[in-house]
Amino acid sequence: MNRARRIAERVTDPELPMLSLADLGVLRDVEVVGSSHVVVDITPTYSGCPAMAAMRDDLVRELSGAGFDRVEVRVSLDPPWTTDWITPTGRAALAAAGISPPGPAPSTTGPIPLTLSPTARQVRCPQCGSPATELVSEFGSTACKAQYRCCDCLEPFDHVKEI
């Protein structure tokens, strides 16, 4: 693994600081061109994600600080990011921070059912592990999270939505 990739993998998500961009699955590629030019490809968690500018700035700052003269950060939209790209280490870090990690992402092949009511998810409480949880709000502290409450320990918590 090249030095630039190791540096980029340590940059954290500004909205989920317990996760590196690598563990979140948004860091797609890091290529060193010549001796001091780095090209980094990242994929947003969803279109319009407000954290993308901060991710780009953090990558440029860290790689420039490590001596790379030119850092180019490109946004790659294809294939689109999915919560399935969150690593097992990332899922464990979310749970340790009291955030319920996502389950498997819905299939993107074949017909996609349209539901007009909130999606029923199997969400476990990250505090006590209980499956008895209820949706409080489809939107939590960020647009990619929903707010839940445990029916057993009564703790509120965020859940990363399956995408």
Protein backbone atom coordinates (compact mmCIF):
# COMPACT_ATOMS: atom_id res chain seq x y z
CA MET A 1 0.00 0.00 0.00
CA ASN A 2 1.39 3.37 -0.92
CA ARG A 3 2.11 6.14 1.58
CA ALA A 4 -0.51 8.48 0.12
CA ARG A 5 -3.22 5.85 0.54
CA ARG A 6 -2.26 5.24 4.18
CA ILE A 7 -2.55 8.98 4.86
CA ALA A 8 -5.90 9.28 3.03
CA GLU A 9 -7.29 6.25 4.89
CA ARG A 10 -6.75 8.03 8.23
CA VAL A 11 -8.90 11.05 7.29
CA THR A 12 -12.20 10.90 9.18
CA ASP A 13 -15.73 11.73 8.12
CA PRO A 14 -16.74 15.18 9.45
CA GLU A 15 -20.26 14.00 10.38
CA LEU A 16 -19.22 10.59 11.74
CA PRO A 17 -15.77 11.30 13.22
CA MET A 18 -15.45 7.78 14.61
CA LEU A 19 -15.17 6.55 10.99
CA SER A 20 -12.31 6.97 8.56
CA LEU A 21 -13.25 7.67 4.96
CA ALA A 22 -11.92 4.18 4.18
CA ASP A 23 -14.14 2.51 6.82
CA LEU A 24 -17.13 4.53 5.61
CA GLY A 25 -16.44 3.24 2.10
CA VAL A 26 -16.29 6.64 0.39
CA LEU A 27 -12.54 6.49 -0.31
CA ARG A 28 -12.46 4.77 -3.69
CA ASP A 29 -8.94 5.18 -5.05
CA VAL A 30 -5.64 6.88 -4.27
CA GLU A 31 -3.09 7.14 -7.05
CA VAL A 32 0.34 8.73 -6.95
CA VAL A 33 1.31 10.27 -10.29
CA GLY A 34 5.01 11.02 -10.48
CA SER A 35 6.66 11.76 -7.17
CA SER A 36 4.45 14.44 -5.65
CA HIS A 37 1.03 14.46 -7.39
CA VAL A 38 -1.82 12.52 -5.74
CA VAL A 39 -5.24 11.84 -7.26
CA VAL A 40 -7.93 10.74 -4.79
CA ASP A 41 -11.37 9.48 -5.83
CA ILE A 42 -14.23 9.69 -3.33
CA THR A 43 -17.92 8.83 -3.63
CA PRO A 44 -20.57 10.77 -1.67
CA THR A 45 -22.90 8.84 0.58
CA TYR A 46 -25.76 10.55 -1.24
CA SER A 47 -26.16 13.32 -3.81
CA GLY A 48 -25.83 16.71 -2.19
CA CYS A 49 -24.01 15.40 0.90
CA PRO A 50 -22.81 18.57 2.66
CA ALA A 51 -19.76 16.80 4.09
CA MET A 52 -18.10 16.36 0.69
CA ALA A 53 -16.40 19.77 0.75
CA ALA A 54 -14.99 19.09 4.22
CA MET A 55 -13.79 15.63 3.15
CA ARG A 56 -12.03 17.16 0.13
CA ASP A 57 -10.45 19.91 2.23
CA ASP A 58 -9.29 17.41 4.88
CA LEU A 59 -7.75 15.13 2.26
CA VAL A 60 -5.93 18.04 0.62
CA ARG A 61 -4.68 19.34 3.99
CA GLU A 62 -3.41 15.95 5.19
CA LEU A 63 -1.75 14.95 1.93
CA SER A 64 -0.23 18.41 1.35
CA GLY A 65 1.03 18.39 4.94
CA ALA A 66 2.72 15.06 4.21
CA GLY A 67 4.73 16.66 1.40
CA PHE A 68 2.65 16.04 -1.71
CA ASP A 69 2.85 19.17 -3.88
CA ARG A 70 -0.34 18.63 -5.85
CA VAL A 71 -3.47 16.93 -4.49
CA GLU A 72 -6.46 16.41 -6.75
CA VAL A 73 -9.71 15.09 -5.24
CA ARG A 74 -12.26 13.81 -7.73
CA VAL A 75 -15.87 12.91 -6.99
CA SER A 76 -17.01 9.62 -8.50
CA LEU A 77 -20.77 9.02 -8.71
CA ASP A 78 -20.73 5.68 -10.52
CA PRO A 79 -21.22 3.24 -9.01
CA PRO A 80 -23.21 5.03 -6.32
CA TRP A 81 -22.17 4.53 -2.71
CA THR A 82 -24.04 1.93 -0.68
CA THR A 83 -24.05 1.23 3.04
CA ASP A 84 -22.75 -2.23 2.15
CA TRP A 85 -19.37 -0.53 1.60
CA ILE A 86 -19.02 0.29 5.31
CA THR A 87 -16.34 -2.05 6.61
CA PRO A 88 -16.84 -4.39 9.60
CA THR A 89 -14.45 -2.11 11.52
CA GLY A 90 -16.63 0.87 10.60
CA ARG A 91 -19.81 -0.92 11.70
CA ALA A 92 -18.21 -1.79 15.04
CA ALA A 93 -17.08 1.84 15.49
CA LEU A 94 -20.63 3.09 14.84
CA ALA A 95 -22.08 0.68 17.41
CA ALA A 96 -19.40 1.61 19.96
CA ALA A 97 -20.38 5.27 19.48
CA GLY A 98 -24.05 4.46 20.15
CA ILE A 99 -25.13 4.61 16.50
CA SER A 100 -26.98 1.62 15.07
CA PRO A 101 -25.12 0.42 11.96
CA PRO A 102 -27.12 -0.23 8.79
CA GLY A 103 -28.37 -3.63 7.75
CA PRO A 104 -27.92 -4.93 4.21
CA ALA A 105 -28.78 -2.39 1.52
CA PRO A 106 -31.91 -3.06 -0.52
CA SER A 107 -31.41 -4.79 -3.85
CA THR A 108 -30.92 -2.50 -6.82
CA THR A 109 -31.71 -5.13 -9.44
CA GLY A 110 -35.20 -5.92 -10.68
CA PRO A 111 -38.37 -4.12 -9.67
CA ILE A 112 -38.08 -1.75 -6.73
CA PRO A 113 -41.20 -1.60 -4.56
CA LEU A 114 -42.58 1.86 -3.86
CA THR A 115 -43.80 2.47 -0.32
CA LEU A 116 -45.44 5.67 0.81
CA SER A 117 -45.12 4.97 4.51
CA PRO A 118 -41.91 4.79 6.57
CA THR A 119 -39.78 1.76 5.78
CA ALA A 120 -39.93 -1.00 8.37
CA ARG A 121 -36.34 -1.79 9.33
CA GLN A 122 -34.97 -4.40 11.68
CA VAL A 123 -33.01 -2.06 13.97
CA ARG A 124 -31.26 -3.21 17.14
CA CYS A 125 -30.50 -0.87 19.99
CA PRO A 126 -26.73 -0.17 20.07
CA GLN A 127 -26.89 0.21 23.87
CA CYS A 128 -28.62 -3.01 24.98
CA GLY A 129 -28.96 -4.99 21.74
CA SER A 130 -32.75 -5.22 21.92
CA PRO A 131 -34.66 -5.59 18.63
CA ALA A 132 -37.64 -3.83 20.26
CA THR A 133 -37.13 -0.36 18.81
CA GLU A 134 -39.40 2.28 17.34
CA LEU A 135 -38.87 4.96 14.73
CA VAL A 136 -39.04 8.47 16.21
CA SER A 137 -38.11 10.42 13.09
CA GLU A 138 -37.03 9.42 9.60
CA PHE A 139 -34.29 12.06 9.94
CA GLY A 140 -31.73 12.08 12.73
CA SER A 141 -28.74 14.31 13.36
CA THR A 142 -27.86 14.07 9.65
CA ALA A 143 -29.97 13.24 6.59
CA CYS A 144 -28.37 9.80 6.26
CA LYS A 145 -29.52 8.76 9.75
CA ALA A 146 -32.94 8.10 11.30
CA GLN A 147 -33.80 8.65 14.97
CA TYR A 148 -34.97 5.60 16.96
CA ARG A 149 -35.81 4.80 20.57
CA CYS A 150 -35.33 1.49 22.33
CA CYS A 151 -38.55 0.13 23.84
CA ASP A 152 -36.57 -1.81 26.49
CA CYS A 153 -33.85 0.54 27.79
CA LEU A 154 -35.68 3.66 26.49
CA GLU A 155 -32.48 5.18 25.07
CA PRO A 156 -32.76 7.29 21.91
CA PHE A 157 -30.21 6.58 19.18
CA ASP A 158 -29.35 7.28 15.56
CA HIS A 159 -29.51 4.56 12.92
CA VAL A 160 -27.58 4.83 9.65
CA LYS A 161 -30.16 4.30 6.91
CA GLU A 162 -29.64 1.50 4.43
CA ILE A 163 -28.86 2.91 1.00
